[in-house]
Every structure is written in C-alpha cells, then in structure tokens.
PDB file of N, CA and C in Angstrom:
ATOM      1  N   UNK A   1     -13.676-197.970 100.480  1.00  0.00           N
ATOM      2  CA  UNK A   1     -14.775-197.880  99.846  1.00  0.00           C
ATOM      3  C   UNK A   1     -15.473-199.595  99.521  1.00  0.00           C
ATOM      4  N   UNK A   2     -16.330-199.398  99.606  1.00  0.00           N
ATOM      5  CA  UNK A   2     -16.727-201.211  99.318  1.00  0.00           C
ATOM      6  C   UNK A   2     -17.864-201.220  98.122  1.00  0.00           C
ATOM      7  N   UNK A   3     -17.628-202.555  98.221  1.00  0.00           N
ATOM      8  CA  UNK A   3     -18.014-202.818  96.668  1.00  0.00           C
ATOM      9  C   UNK A   3     -19.374-202.343  96.280  1.00  0.00           C
ATOM     10  N   UNK A   4     -20.380-202.047  94.976  1.00  0.00           N
ATOM     11  CA  UNK A   4     -21.488-201.595  95.038  1.00  0.00           C
ATOM     12  C   UNK A   4     -22.332-201.907  93.838  1.00  0.00           C
ATOM     13  N   UNK A   5     -22.951-202.247  93.092  1.00  0.00           N
ATOM     14  CA  UNK A   5     -23.627-203.111  92.036  1.00  0.00           C
ATOM     15  C   UNK A   5     -23.587-202.210  90.435  1.00  0.00           C
ATOM     16  N   UNK A   6     -23.031-202.986  89.634  1.00  0.00           N
ATOM     17  CA  UNK A   6     -23.161-202.432  88.499  1.00  0.00           C
ATOM     18  C   UNK A   6     -24.462-200.811  88.357  1.00  0.00           C
ATOM     19  N   UNK A   7     -25.196-201.420  88.566  1.00  0.00           N
ATOM     20  CA  UNK A   7     -26.604-200.817  87.805  1.00  0.00           C
ATOM     21  C   UNK A   7     -25.968-199.288  89.299  1.00  0.00           C
ATOM     22  N   UNK A   8     -26.095-198.951  90.060  1.00  0.00           N
ATOM     23  CA  UNK A   8     -25.529-197.855  90.730  1.00  0.00           C
ATOM     24  C   UNK A   8     -24.647-197.509  90.183  1.00  0.00           C
ATOM     25  N   UNK A   9     -23.482-198.086  89.873  1.00  0.00           N
ATOM     26  CA  UNK A   9     -22.423-197.238  89.257  1.00  0.00           C
ATOM     27  C   UNK A   9     -23.235-196.845  87.861  1.00  0.00           C
ATOM     28  N   UNK A  10     -23.564-196.767  87.082  1.00  0.00           N
ATOM     29  CA  UNK A  10     -24.065-196.726  86.014  1.00  0.00           C
ATOM     30  C   UNK A  10     -24.837-195.479  85.913  1.00  0.00           C
ATOM     31  N   UNK A  11     -25.665-195.580  87.161  1.00  0.00           N
ATOM     32  CA  UNK A  11     -26.585-194.680  87.891  1.00  0.00           C
ATOM     33  C   UNK A  11     -25.533-193.038  87.701  1.00  0.00           C
ATOM     34  N   UNK A  12     -24.483-193.303  88.239  1.00  0.00           N
ATOM     35  CA  UNK A  12     -23.632-192.212  89.094  1.00  0.00           C
ATOM     36  C   UNK A  12     -23.000-191.916  87.705  1.00  0.00           C
ATOM     37  N   UNK A  13     -22.063-192.867  86.896  1.00  0.00           N
ATOM     38  CA  UNK A  13     -21.599-192.522  86.034  1.00  0.00           C
ATOM     39  C   UNK A  13     -22.121-191.713  84.716  1.00  0.00           C
ATOM     40  N   UNK A  14     -23.309-191.781  84.758  1.00  0.00           N
ATOM     41  CA  UNK A  14     -24.790-190.928  83.739  1.00  0.00           C
ATOM     42  C   UNK A  14     -25.195-189.888  84.305  1.00  0.00           C
ATOM     43  N   UNK A  15     -24.766-189.633  85.611  1.00  0.00           N
ATOM     44  CA  UNK A  15     -25.495-188.314  86.143  1.00  0.00           C
ATOM     45  C   UNK A  15     -24.465-187.326  85.255  1.00  0.00           C
ATOM     46  N   UNK A  16     -25.321-186.136  84.628  1.00  0.00           N
ATOM     47  CA  UNK A  16     -24.364-184.884  84.099  1.00  0.00           C
ATOM     48  C   UNK A  16     -23.572-184.119  85.503  1.00  0.00           C
ATOM     49  N   UNK A  17     -24.297-184.757  86.645  1.00  0.00           N
ATOM     50  CA  UNK A  17     -24.133-183.575  87.886  1.00  0.00           C
ATOM     51  C   UNK A  17     -22.077-183.658  87.903  1.00  0.00           C
ATOM     52  N   UNK A  18     -21.987-185.108  87.901  1.00  0.00           N
ATOM     53  CA  UNK A  18     -20.632-185.692  87.967  1.00  0.00           C
ATOM     54  C   UNK A  18     -20.108-185.948  86.927  1.00  0.00           C
ATOM     55  N   UNK A  19     -18.629-186.103  87.485  1.00  0.00           N
ATOM     56  CA  UNK A  19     -17.377-185.718  85.970  1.00  0.00           C
ATOM     57  C   UNK A  19     -16.666-187.227  86.658  1.00  0.00           C
ATOM     58  N   UNK A  20     -16.054-188.037  85.481  1.00  0.00           N
ATOM     59  CA  UNK A  20     -15.014-189.004  85.430  1.00  0.00           C
ATOM     60  C   UNK A  20     -14.236-189.472  84.862  1.00  0.00           C
ATOM     61  N   UNK A  21     -13.146-190.264  84.767  1.00  0.00           N
ATOM     62  CA  UNK A  21     -11.600-189.541  85.088  1.00  0.00           C
ATOM     63  C   UNK A  21     -11.557-191.844  84.396  1.00  0.00           C
ATOM     64  N   UNK A  22     -10.488-191.713  83.228  1.00  0.00           N
ATOM     65  CA  UNK A  22     -10.473-192.975  82.646  1.00  0.00           C
ATOM     66  C   UNK A  22      -9.166-193.010  82.942  1.00  0.00           C
ATOM     67  N   UNK A  23      -8.150-194.061  83.579  1.00  0.00           N
ATOM     68  CA  UNK A  23      -6.872-194.124  83.544  1.00  0.00           C
ATOM     69  C   UNK A  23      -6.819-195.908  82.747  1.00  0.00           C
ATOM     70  N   UNK A  24      -5.742-196.186  82.116  1.00  0.00           N
ATOM     71  CA  UNK A  24      -5.315-197.266  81.870  1.00  0.00           C
ATOM     72  C   UNK A  24      -4.294-197.242  82.140  1.00  0.00           C
ATOM     73  N   UNK A  25      -3.430-198.983  82.318  1.00  0.00           N
ATOM     74  CA  UNK A  25      -2.158-199.021  82.557  1.00  0.00           C
ATOM     75  C   UNK A  25      -2.137-200.279  82.107  1.00  0.00           C
ATOM     76  N   UNK A  26      -1.559-200.502  80.717  1.00  0.00           N
ATOM     77  CA  UNK A  26      -1.197-202.500  80.414  1.00  0.00           C
ATOM     78  C   UNK A  26      -2.837-202.918  80.636  1.00  0.00           C
ATOM     79  N   UNK A  27      -3.072-203.745  81.378  1.00  0.00           N
ATOM     80  CA  UNK A  27      -3.990-204.641  81.438  1.00  0.00           C
ATOM     81  C   UNK A  27      -5.469-203.694  82.757  1.00  0.00           C
ATOM     82  N   UNK A  28      -5.496-203.100  83.222  1.00  0.00           N
ATOM     83  CA  UNK A  28      -5.316-202.491  84.353  1.00  0.00           C
ATOM     84  C   UNK A  28      -6.313-201.259  83.445  1.00  0.00           C
ATOM     85  N   UNK A  29      -7.296-201.303  83.676  1.00  0.00           N
ATOM     86  CA  UNK A  29      -8.251-199.873  83.810  1.00  0.00           C
ATOM     87  C   UNK A  29      -9.070-199.492  84.718  1.00  0.00           C
ATOM     88  N   UNK A  30      -9.359-198.045  85.182  1.00  0.00           N
ATOM     89  CA  UNK A  30      -9.740-197.947  86.582  1.00  0.00           C
ATOM     90  C   UNK A  30     -10.731-196.427  86.161  1.00  0.00           C
ATOM     91  N   UNK A  31     -11.783-196.306  86.708  1.00  0.00           N
ATOM     92  CA  UNK A  31     -12.250-195.950  85.873  1.00  0.00           C
ATOM     93  C   UNK A  31     -13.190-194.254  87.480  1.00  0.00           C
ATOM     94  N   UNK A  32     -12.446-193.575  87.246  1.00  0.00           N
ATOM     95  CA  UNK A  32     -12.657-193.010  88.480  1.00  0.00           C
ATOM     96  C   UNK A  32     -14.489-191.665  87.957  1.00  0.00           C
ATOM     97  N   UNK A  33     -15.647-191.908  89.406  1.00  0.00           N
ATOM     98  CA  UNK A  33     -16.813-190.557  89.629  1.00  0.00           C
ATOM     99  C   UNK A  33     -16.442-189.813  90.728  1.00  0.00           C
ATOM    100  N   UNK A  34     -15.937-188.322  89.711  1.00  0.00           N
ATOM    101  CA  UNK A  34     -15.735-187.361  91.303  1.00  0.00           C
ATOM    102  C   UNK A  34     -17.066-186.419  91.102  1.00  0.00           C
ATOM    103  N   UNK A  35     -17.543-186.020  92.699  1.00  0.00           N
ATOM    104  CA  UNK A  35     -18.497-185.091  92.361  1.00  0.00           C
ATOM    105  C   UNK A  35     -18.027-183.845  93.075  1.00  0.00           C
ATOM    106  N   UNK A  36     -17.449-182.974  92.366  1.00  0.00           N
ATOM    107  CA  UNK A  36     -16.643-181.836  92.831  1.00  0.00           C
ATOM    108  C   UNK A  36     -15.573-182.398  92.438  1.00  0.00           C
ATOM    109  N   UNK A  37     -14.445-182.174  94.044  1.00  0.00           N
ATOM    110  CA  UNK A  37     -13.409-183.212  94.152  1.00  0.00           C
ATOM    111  C   UNK A  37     -13.284-184.176  94.953  1.00  0.00           C
ATOM    112  N   UNK A  38     -14.236-184.728  94.901  1.00  0.00           N
ATOM    113  CA  UNK A  38     -14.551-185.791  96.137  1.00  0.00           C
ATOM    114  C   UNK A  38     -14.768-186.829  95.362  1.00  0.00           C
ATOM    115  N   UNK A  39     -14.318-187.843  95.621  1.00  0.00           N
ATOM    116  CA  UNK A  39     -14.238-188.961  94.490  1.00  0.00           C
ATOM    117  C   UNK A  39     -15.367-190.435  94.944  1.00  0.00           C
ATOM    118  N   UNK A  40     -16.101-190.155  94.764  1.00  0.00           N
ATOM    119  CA  UNK A  40     -17.704-191.018  95.188  1.00  0.00           C
ATOM    120  C   UNK A  40     -17.392-192.934  94.433  1.00  0.00           C
ATOM    121  N   UNK A  41     -16.856-192.895  93.403  1.00  0.00           N
ATOM    122  CA  UNK A  41     -17.039-194.386  92.858  1.00  0.00           C
ATOM    123  C   UNK A  41     -16.274-194.560  92.485  1.00  0.00           C
ATOM    124  N   UNK A  42     -15.583-195.621  91.984  1.00  0.00           N
ATOM    125  CA  UNK A  42     -14.702-196.302  91.300  1.00  0.00           C
ATOM    126  C   UNK A  42     -15.044-197.634  90.486  1.00  0.00           C
ATOM    127  N   UNK A  43     -14.089-197.692  88.903  1.00  0.00           N
ATOM    128  CA  UNK A  43     -14.274-199.382  88.536  1.00  0.00           C
ATOM    129  C   UNK A  43     -13.113-200.030  88.001  1.00  0.00           C
ATOM    130  N   UNK A  44     -12.598-200.823  88.200  1.00  0.00           N
ATOM    131  CA  UNK A  44     -11.177-201.090  88.485  1.00  0.00           C
ATOM    132  C   UNK A  44     -12.312-202.323  87.547  1.00  0.00           C
ATOM    133  N   UNK A  45     -10.916-202.847  86.647  1.00  0.00           N
ATOM    134  CA  UNK A  45     -11.244-203.383  85.712  1.00  0.00           C
ATOM    135  C   UNK A  45      -9.985-204.203  85.281  1.00  0.00           C
ATOM    136  N   UNK A  46      -9.102-205.696  85.433  1.00  0.00           N
ATOM    137  CA  UNK A  46      -7.814-206.076  85.050  1.00  0.00           C
ATOM    138  C   UNK A  46      -8.410-207.516  84.804  1.00  0.00           C
ATOM    139  N   UNK A  47      -7.882-207.333  83.565  1.00  0.00           N
ATOM    140  CA  UNK A  47      -8.201-208.643  82.681  1.00  0.00           C
ATOM    141  C   UNK A  47      -9.809-208.910  82.010  1.00  0.00           C
ATOM    142  N   UNK A  48      -9.978-209.924  82.921  1.00  0.00           N
ATOM    143  CA  UNK A  48     -11.922-209.921  82.290  1.00  0.00           C
ATOM    144  C   UNK A  48     -12.558-209.929  83.791  1.00  0.00           C
ATOM    145  N   UNK A  49     -11.780-209.159  84.927  1.00  0.00           N
ATOM    146  CA  UNK A  49     -12.656-209.189  86.248  1.00  0.00           C
ATOM    147  C   UNK A  49     -12.983-207.861  86.633  1.00  0.00           C
ATOM    148  N   UNK A  50     -14.077-207.782  86.530  1.00  0.00           N
ATOM    149  CA  UNK A  50     -14.494-206.373  87.030  1.00  0.00           C
ATOM    150  C   UNK A  50     -15.343-205.766  88.459  1.00  0.00           C
ATOM    151  N   UNK A  51     -14.649-204.681  89.045  1.00  0.00           N
ATOM    152  CA  UNK A  51     -15.318-204.707  90.713  1.00  0.00           C
ATOM    153  C   UNK A  51     -15.917-202.991  90.621  1.00  0.00           C
ATOM    154  N   UNK A  52     -17.020-202.786  91.296  1.00  0.00           N
ATOM    155  CA  UNK A  52     -17.036-201.903  90.919  1.00  0.00           C
ATOM    156  C   UNK A  52     -17.647-201.073  92.712  1.00  0.00           C
ATOM    157  N   UNK A  53     -16.521-200.283  93.271  1.00  0.00           N
ATOM    158  CA  UNK A  53     -16.534-199.510  94.745  1.00  0.00           C
ATOM    159  C   UNK A  53     -17.079-198.182  95.022  1.00  0.00           C
ATOM    160  N   UNK A  54     -18.091-197.801  95.641  1.00  0.00           N
ATOM    161  CA  UNK A  54     -18.361-196.587  95.790  1.00  0.00           C
ATOM    162  C   UNK A  54     -18.176-195.911  97.610  1.00  0.00           C
ATOM    163  N   UNK A  55     -18.038-195.421  98.075  1.00  0.00           N
ATOM    164  CA  UNK A  55     -17.609-194.432  99.411  1.00  0.00           C
ATOM    165  C   UNK A  55     -18.746-194.765 100.230  1.00  0.00           C
ATOM    166  N   UNK A  56     -18.704-195.315 101.190  1.00  0.00           N
ATOM    167  CA  UNK A  56     -19.586-194.867 102.240  1.00  0.00           C
ATOM    168  C   UNK A  56     -20.590-194.330 101.970  1.00  0.00           C
ATOM    169  N   UNK A  57     -21.369-193.455 101.669  1.00  0.00           N
ATOM    170  CA  UNK A  57     -22.231-192.694 101.276  1.00  0.00           C
ATOM    171  C   UNK A  57     -22.831-192.761 100.095  1.00  0.00           C
ATOM    172  N   UNK A  58     -22.000-193.690  99.460  1.00  0.00           N
ATOM    173  CA  UNK A  58     -22.365-193.138  97.577  1.00  0.00           C
ATOM    174  C   UNK A  58     -24.143-193.417  97.125  1.00  0.00           C
ATOM    175  N   UNK A  59     -25.254-193.538  98.257  1.00  0.00           N
ATOM    176  CA  UNK A  59     -26.122-193.837  98.291  1.00  0.00           C
ATOM    177  C   UNK A  59     -26.731-192.189  97.707  1.00  0.00           C
ATOM    178  N   UNK A  60     -26.374-191.442  98.821  1.00  0.00           N
ATOM    179  CA  UNK A  60     -26.882-190.229  98.855  1.00  0.00           C
ATOM    180  C   UNK A  60     -26.616-189.317  97.491  1.00  0.00           C
ATOM    181  N   UNK A  61     -26.228-189.651  96.436  1.00  0.00           N
ATOM    182  CA  UNK A  61     -25.218-189.248  95.379  1.00  0.00           C
ATOM    183  C   UNK A  61     -26.496-189.745  94.317  1.00  0.00           C
ATOM    184  N   UNK A  62     -27.353-191.084  94.539  1.00  0.00           N
ATOM    185  CA  UNK A  62     -27.558-191.346  93.608  1.00  0.00           C
ATOM    186  C   UNK A  62     -28.682-190.371  93.129  1.00  0.00           C
ATOM    187  N   UNK A  63     -29.514-190.517  91.261  1.00  0.00           N
ATOM    188  CA  UNK A  63     -30.661-190.221  91.226  1.00  0.00           C
ATOM    189  C   UNK A  63     -31.758-190.942  91.489  1.00  0.00           C
ATOM    190  N   UNK A  64     -32.820-190.678  91.718  1.00  0.00           N
ATOM    191  CA  UNK A  64     -34.240-191.983  91.356  1.00  0.00           C
ATOM    192  C   UNK A  64     -34.515-191.844  89.841  1.00  0.00           C
ATOM    193  N   UNK A  65     -34.844-192.896  89.935  1.00  0.00           N
ATOM    194  CA  UNK A  65     -34.962-193.451  88.518  1.00  0.00           C
ATOM    195  C   UNK A  65     -36.374-193.538  88.092  1.00  0.00           C
TER     196      UNK A  65
END
C-alpha cells in the first residue's frame, strides 16, 4: 500500500458501493475500506498522527465528482 491524500480516501469512504470497517485498540484506530472482499484503502490514526493508504490501483475505484 502507498500513501494517498485525505480527499481520495474520503471519496472511497463515502461511495455507497464500498463497505468500511473500524477497529480501535487503545490509542490506535484503523478504518478499512473494502470492495467486496478486497481491501482497497485504510486510514490509521495513532494519537494525533493520521495516515491514509491505498492499494496500487486505488484510482480505479475513485468516483468522478
């Protein structure tokens, strides 16, 4: 996975075609976005650090606005 921009992550998260799941463990939170069974993006939050990751071909899943 590679780093992506927040707007790209939000584009994927707000799309009704994809499901997302949230896991929290102490100070760490992970939000994963799935297309069917395939993981396409994730957001990790550790304390105040937020990182957004996408698979290599994540742009194929973005919607045009």
